[in-house]
Amino acid sequence: MESGATVDTVLVPIDGSEETETAVEYAVAVARRYDAAVHAMFVLSEDASRAIEEGTVDDDEMADEVQSVFAAIDDLAEREGVPFAHSITVGFSTTRKLVHPGSAILDAADQIEADFLVIPRETGLEEDDVLEKAAEYVLSYASQPVLSV
């Protein structure tokens, strides 16, 4: 980034995989460097999105899984003195054609006025590589600086 750049919010999309932990660590480091906040956005997989739309998901189980991921990030952010916020978004929709992980991430970045994005290039989720599918799109179309890790 150029000298004197201002960063108030760093967005890091996550999917619960171990590989996204690296992206979170980079996002927290960038936020610490620029005295900014981190916003972690859990991007739900195609299977999870479909289950929500069909009403076949175990809401409590999904909520517990996502909350445990957010709790771990909150602990890291607190240790580093970085403000932390979080959200959840669907990465796919069976009813809206233009919803995909890349567009969901960029829409959220605009909505929360993120100044910097940190996105994982690869994740370990073999059956549904949500963020892998989004990385190239985000790198191509983001108006904010993007660090791909």
C-alpha atoms as a PDB file:
ATOM      1  CA  MET A   1       0.000   0.000   0.000  1.00  0.00           C
ATOM      2  CA  GLU A   2       1.084   3.516  -0.634  1.00  0.00           C
ATOM      3  CA  SER A   3       2.602   5.594   2.129  1.00  0.00           C
ATOM      4  CA  GLY A   4       0.013   7.355   4.241  1.00  0.00           C
ATOM      5  CA  ALA A   5      -2.784   4.979   3.218  1.00  0.00           C
ATOM      6  CA  THR A   6      -5.706   4.819   5.587  1.00  0.00           C
ATOM      7  CA  VAL A   7      -7.222   1.490   6.519  1.00  0.00           C
ATOM      8  CA  ASP A   8     -10.139   1.439   8.932  1.00  0.00           C
ATOM      9  CA  THR A   9     -11.631  -2.007   8.218  1.00  0.00           C
ATOM     10  CA  VAL A  10     -10.012  -5.206   6.980  1.00  0.00           C
ATOM     11  CA  LEU A  11     -12.439  -7.821   5.615  1.00  0.00           C
ATOM     12  CA  VAL A  12     -11.438 -11.474   5.736  1.00  0.00           C
ATOM     13  CA  PRO A  13     -13.842 -14.045   4.280  1.00  0.00           C
ATOM     14  CA  ILE A  14     -13.635 -17.424   5.998  1.00  0.00           C
ATOM     15  CA  ASP A  15     -15.236 -20.838   5.555  1.00  0.00           C
ATOM     16  CA  GLY A  16     -14.250 -22.686   8.708  1.00  0.00           C
ATOM     17  CA  SER A  17     -11.298 -24.518   7.170  1.00  0.00           C
ATOM     18  CA  GLU A  18      -7.903 -24.585   8.853  1.00  0.00           C
ATOM     19  CA  GLU A  19      -6.389 -22.817   5.857  1.00  0.00           C
ATOM     20  CA  THR A  20      -8.472 -19.723   6.449  1.00  0.00           C
ATOM     21  CA  GLU A  21      -6.725 -19.336   9.815  1.00  0.00           C
ATOM     22  CA  THR A  22      -3.688 -18.020   7.917  1.00  0.00           C
ATOM     23  CA  ALA A  23      -5.825 -15.392   6.203  1.00  0.00           C
ATOM     24  CA  VAL A  24      -7.235 -14.371   9.595  1.00  0.00           C
ATOM     25  CA  GLU A  25      -3.715 -14.027  11.016  1.00  0.00           C
ATOM     26  CA  TYR A  26      -2.711 -11.787   8.104  1.00  0.00           C
ATOM     27  CA  ALA A  27      -5.912  -9.740   8.432  1.00  0.00           C
ATOM     28  CA  VAL A  28      -5.261  -9.169  12.138  1.00  0.00           C
ATOM     29  CA  ALA A  29      -1.636  -8.193  11.393  1.00  0.00           C
ATOM     30  CA  VAL A  30      -2.741  -5.678   8.737  1.00  0.00           C
ATOM     31  CA  ALA A  31      -5.388  -4.284  11.085  1.00  0.00           C
ATOM     32  CA  ARG A  32      -2.854  -3.969  13.894  1.00  0.00           C
ATOM     33  CA  ARG A  33      -0.387  -2.194  11.571  1.00  0.00           C
ATOM     34  CA  TYR A  34      -2.977   0.353  10.413  1.00  0.00           C
ATOM     35  CA  ASP A  35      -4.850   0.642  13.731  1.00  0.00           C
ATOM     36  CA  ALA A  36      -7.926  -0.785  12.014  1.00  0.00           C
ATOM     37  CA  ALA A  37     -10.679  -3.267  12.804  1.00  0.00           C
ATOM     38  CA  VAL A  38     -11.079  -6.783  11.406  1.00  0.00           C
ATOM     39  CA  HIS A  39     -14.390  -8.000  10.034  1.00  0.00           C
ATOM     40  CA  ALA A  40     -14.553 -11.776   9.487  1.00  0.00           C
ATOM     41  CA  MET A  41     -17.310 -12.924   7.164  1.00  0.00           C
ATOM     42  CA  PHE A  42     -18.253 -16.599   7.198  1.00  0.00           C
ATOM     43  CA  VAL A  43     -19.197 -17.579   3.638  1.00  0.00           C
ATOM     44  CA  LEU A  44     -21.586 -20.516   3.677  1.00  0.00           C
ATOM     45  CA  SER A  45     -20.972 -23.300   1.176  1.00  0.00           C
ATOM     46  CA  GLU A  46     -23.311 -24.284  -1.613  1.00  0.00           C
ATOM     47  CA  ASP A  47     -24.544 -27.267   0.399  1.00  0.00           C
ATOM     48  CA  ALA A  48     -25.191 -25.144   3.487  1.00  0.00           C
ATOM     49  CA  SER A  49     -26.895 -22.423   1.423  1.00  0.00           C
ATOM     50  CA  ARG A  50     -29.128 -24.992  -0.250  1.00  0.00           C
ATOM     51  CA  ALA A  51     -30.008 -26.596   3.094  1.00  0.00           C
ATOM     52  CA  ILE A  52     -30.984 -23.188   4.495  1.00  0.00           C
ATOM     53  CA  GLU A  53     -33.159 -22.403   1.468  1.00  0.00           C
ATOM     54  CA  GLU A  54     -34.806 -25.840   1.682  1.00  0.00           C
ATOM     55  CA  GLY A  55     -35.202 -25.696   5.457  1.00  0.00           C
ATOM     56  CA  THR A  56     -33.255 -28.922   5.991  1.00  0.00           C
ATOM     57  CA  VAL A  57     -30.382 -27.532   8.054  1.00  0.00           C
ATOM     58  CA  ASP A  58     -29.859 -28.111  11.768  1.00  0.00           C
ATOM     59  CA  ASP A  59     -29.798 -24.444  12.781  1.00  0.00           C
ATOM     60  CA  ASP A  60     -28.323 -25.053  16.225  1.00  0.00           C
ATOM     61  CA  GLU A  61     -25.501 -27.225  14.918  1.00  0.00           C
ATOM     62  CA  MET A  62     -24.597 -24.724  12.185  1.00  0.00           C
ATOM     63  CA  ALA A  63     -24.777 -21.797  14.613  1.00  0.00           C
ATOM     64  CA  ASP A  64     -22.517 -23.591  17.112  1.00  0.00           C
ATOM     65  CA  GLU A  65     -19.935 -24.352  14.422  1.00  0.00           C
ATOM     66  CA  VAL A  66     -19.848 -20.788  13.113  1.00  0.00           C
ATOM     67  CA  GLN A  67     -19.807 -19.263  16.609  1.00  0.00           C
ATOM     68  CA  SER A  68     -16.823 -21.417  17.628  1.00  0.00           C
ATOM     69  CA  VAL A  69     -14.900 -20.126  14.596  1.00  0.00           C
ATOM     70  CA  PHE A  70     -15.801 -16.531  15.470  1.00  0.00           C
ATOM     71  CA  ALA A  71     -14.804 -17.089  19.116  1.00  0.00           C
ATOM     72  CA  ALA A  72     -11.322 -18.219  18.092  1.00  0.00           C
ATOM     73  CA  ILE A  73     -10.890 -15.145  15.886  1.00  0.00           C
ATOM     74  CA  ASP A  74     -12.195 -12.903  18.657  1.00  0.00           C
ATOM     75  CA  ASP A  75      -9.562 -14.347  21.024  1.00  0.00           C
ATOM     76  CA  LEU A  76      -6.772 -13.623  18.524  1.00  0.00           C
ATOM     77  CA  ALA A  77      -8.031 -10.115  17.809  1.00  0.00           C
ATOM     78  CA  GLU A  78      -8.341  -9.353  21.513  1.00  0.00           C
ATOM     79  CA  ARG A  79      -4.779 -10.567  22.192  1.00  0.00           C
ATOM     80  CA  GLU A  80      -3.533  -8.276  19.415  1.00  0.00           C
ATOM     81  CA  GLY A  81      -5.660  -5.314  20.492  1.00  0.00           C
ATOM     82  CA  VAL A  82      -7.674  -5.262  17.273  1.00  0.00           C
ATOM     83  CA  PRO A  83     -11.419  -4.522  17.212  1.00  0.00           C
ATOM     84  CA  PHE A  84     -13.371  -7.436  15.758  1.00  0.00           C
ATOM     85  CA  ALA A  85     -16.752  -7.779  14.070  1.00  0.00           C
ATOM     86  CA  HIS A  86     -18.287 -10.658  12.146  1.00  0.00           C
ATOM     87  CA  SER A  87     -21.090 -11.645   9.819  1.00  0.00           C
ATOM     88  CA  ILE A  88     -22.379 -14.602   7.834  1.00  0.00           C
ATOM     89  CA  THR A  89     -23.372 -14.664   4.180  1.00  0.00           C
ATOM     90  CA  VAL A  90     -24.541 -17.250   1.695  1.00  0.00           C
ATOM     91  CA  GLY A  91     -22.118 -17.889  -1.106  1.00  0.00           C
ATOM     92  CA  PHE A  92     -24.715 -19.394  -3.415  1.00  0.00           C
ATOM     93  CA  SER A  93     -28.423 -19.153  -4.103  1.00  0.00           C
ATOM     94  CA  THR A  94     -30.824 -21.397  -5.957  1.00  0.00           C
ATOM     95  CA  THR A  95     -33.224 -18.476  -6.381  1.00  0.00           C
ATOM     96  CA  ARG A  96     -30.884 -15.627  -7.370  1.00  0.00           C
ATOM     97  CA  LYS A  97     -28.555 -16.257 -10.324  1.00  0.00           C
ATOM     98  CA  LEU A  98     -26.008 -13.566  -9.563  1.00  0.00           C
ATOM     99  CA  VAL A  99     -25.159 -14.756  -6.054  1.00  0.00           C
ATOM    100  CA  HIS A 100     -21.791 -16.478  -5.891  1.00  0.00           C
ATOM    101  CA  PRO A 101     -18.951 -16.324  -3.351  1.00  0.00           C
ATOM    102  CA  GLY A 102     -16.997 -13.597  -5.165  1.00  0.00           C
ATOM    103  CA  SER A 103     -19.960 -11.279  -5.537  1.00  0.00           C
ATOM    104  CA  ALA A 104     -21.045 -11.913  -1.944  1.00  0.00           C
ATOM    105  CA  ILE A 105     -17.582 -10.926  -0.696  1.00  0.00           C
ATOM    106  CA  LEU A 106     -17.399  -7.771  -2.809  1.00  0.00           C
ATOM    107  CA  ASP A 107     -20.954  -6.767  -1.860  1.00  0.00           C
ATOM    108  CA  ALA A 108     -20.084  -7.181   1.823  1.00  0.00           C
ATOM    109  CA  ALA A 109     -16.851  -5.214   1.373  1.00  0.00           C
ATOM    110  CA  ASP A 110     -18.856  -2.317  -0.032  1.00  0.00           C
ATOM    111  CA  GLN A 111     -21.566  -2.632   2.612  1.00  0.00           C
ATOM    112  CA  ILE A 112     -19.152  -2.508   5.566  1.00  0.00           C
ATOM    113  CA  GLU A 113     -16.881  -0.019   3.778  1.00  0.00           C
ATOM    114  CA  ALA A 114     -13.840  -2.287   3.973  1.00  0.00           C
ATOM    115  CA  ASP A 115     -10.593  -0.630   2.965  1.00  0.00           C
ATOM    116  CA  PHE A 116      -8.543  -3.821   2.585  1.00  0.00           C
ATOM    117  CA  LEU A 117      -9.355  -7.477   1.903  1.00  0.00           C
ATOM    118  CA  VAL A 118      -7.419 -10.581   2.860  1.00  0.00           C
ATOM    119  CA  ILE A 119      -8.651 -13.686   1.032  1.00  0.00           C
ATOM    120  CA  PRO A 120      -7.374 -17.256   1.174  1.00  0.00           C
ATOM    121  CA  ARG A 121      -6.260 -18.691  -2.165  1.00  0.00           C
ATOM    122  CA  GLU A 122      -6.776 -22.276  -1.134  1.00  0.00           C
ATOM    123  CA  THR A 123      -8.723 -24.053   1.545  1.00  0.00           C
ATOM    124  CA  GLY A 124      -8.797 -27.626   2.727  1.00  0.00           C
ATOM    125  CA  LEU A 125     -12.497 -28.149   2.142  1.00  0.00           C
ATOM    126  CA  GLU A 126     -12.377 -30.656  -0.698  1.00  0.00           C
ATOM    127  CA  GLU A 127     -16.093 -31.036  -1.289  1.00  0.00           C
ATOM    128  CA  ASP A 128     -16.889 -27.345  -1.547  1.00  0.00           C
ATOM    129  CA  ASP A 129     -13.969 -24.966  -2.072  1.00  0.00           C
ATOM    130  CA  VAL A 130     -16.060 -21.836  -1.588  1.00  0.00           C
ATOM    131  CA  LEU A 131     -13.253 -19.348  -1.107  1.00  0.00           C
ATOM    132  CA  GLU A 132     -10.999 -20.902  -3.730  1.00  0.00           C
ATOM    133  CA  LYS A 133     -13.761 -20.205  -6.245  1.00  0.00           C
ATOM    134  CA  ALA A 134     -14.023 -16.623  -5.023  1.00  0.00           C
ATOM    135  CA  ALA A 135     -10.348 -15.636  -4.846  1.00  0.00           C
ATOM    136  CA  GLU A 136      -9.765 -15.030  -8.552  1.00  0.00           C
ATOM    137  CA  TYR A 137     -13.018 -13.077  -8.895  1.00  0.00           C
ATOM    138  CA  VAL A 138     -12.202 -10.885  -5.898  1.00  0.00           C
ATOM    139  CA  LEU A 139      -8.653 -10.284  -7.137  1.00  0.00           C
ATOM    140  CA  SER A 140     -10.021  -9.253 -10.531  1.00  0.00           C
ATOM    141  CA  TYR A 141     -12.876  -6.998  -9.459  1.00  0.00           C
ATOM    142  CA  ALA A 142     -12.189  -5.583  -5.974  1.00  0.00           C
ATOM    143  CA  SER A 143     -11.806  -1.828  -5.772  1.00  0.00           C
ATOM    144  CA  GLN A 144      -9.914  -2.232  -2.485  1.00  0.00           C
ATOM    145  CA  PRO A 145      -6.380  -3.578  -2.098  1.00  0.00           C
ATOM    146  CA  VAL A 146      -6.440  -7.382  -1.771  1.00  0.00           C
ATOM    147  CA  LEU A 147      -3.915  -9.677  -0.160  1.00  0.00           C
ATOM    148  CA  SER A 148      -4.324 -13.271  -1.315  1.00  0.00           C
ATOM    149  CA  VAL A 149      -2.699 -15.801   1.028  1.00  0.00           C
END
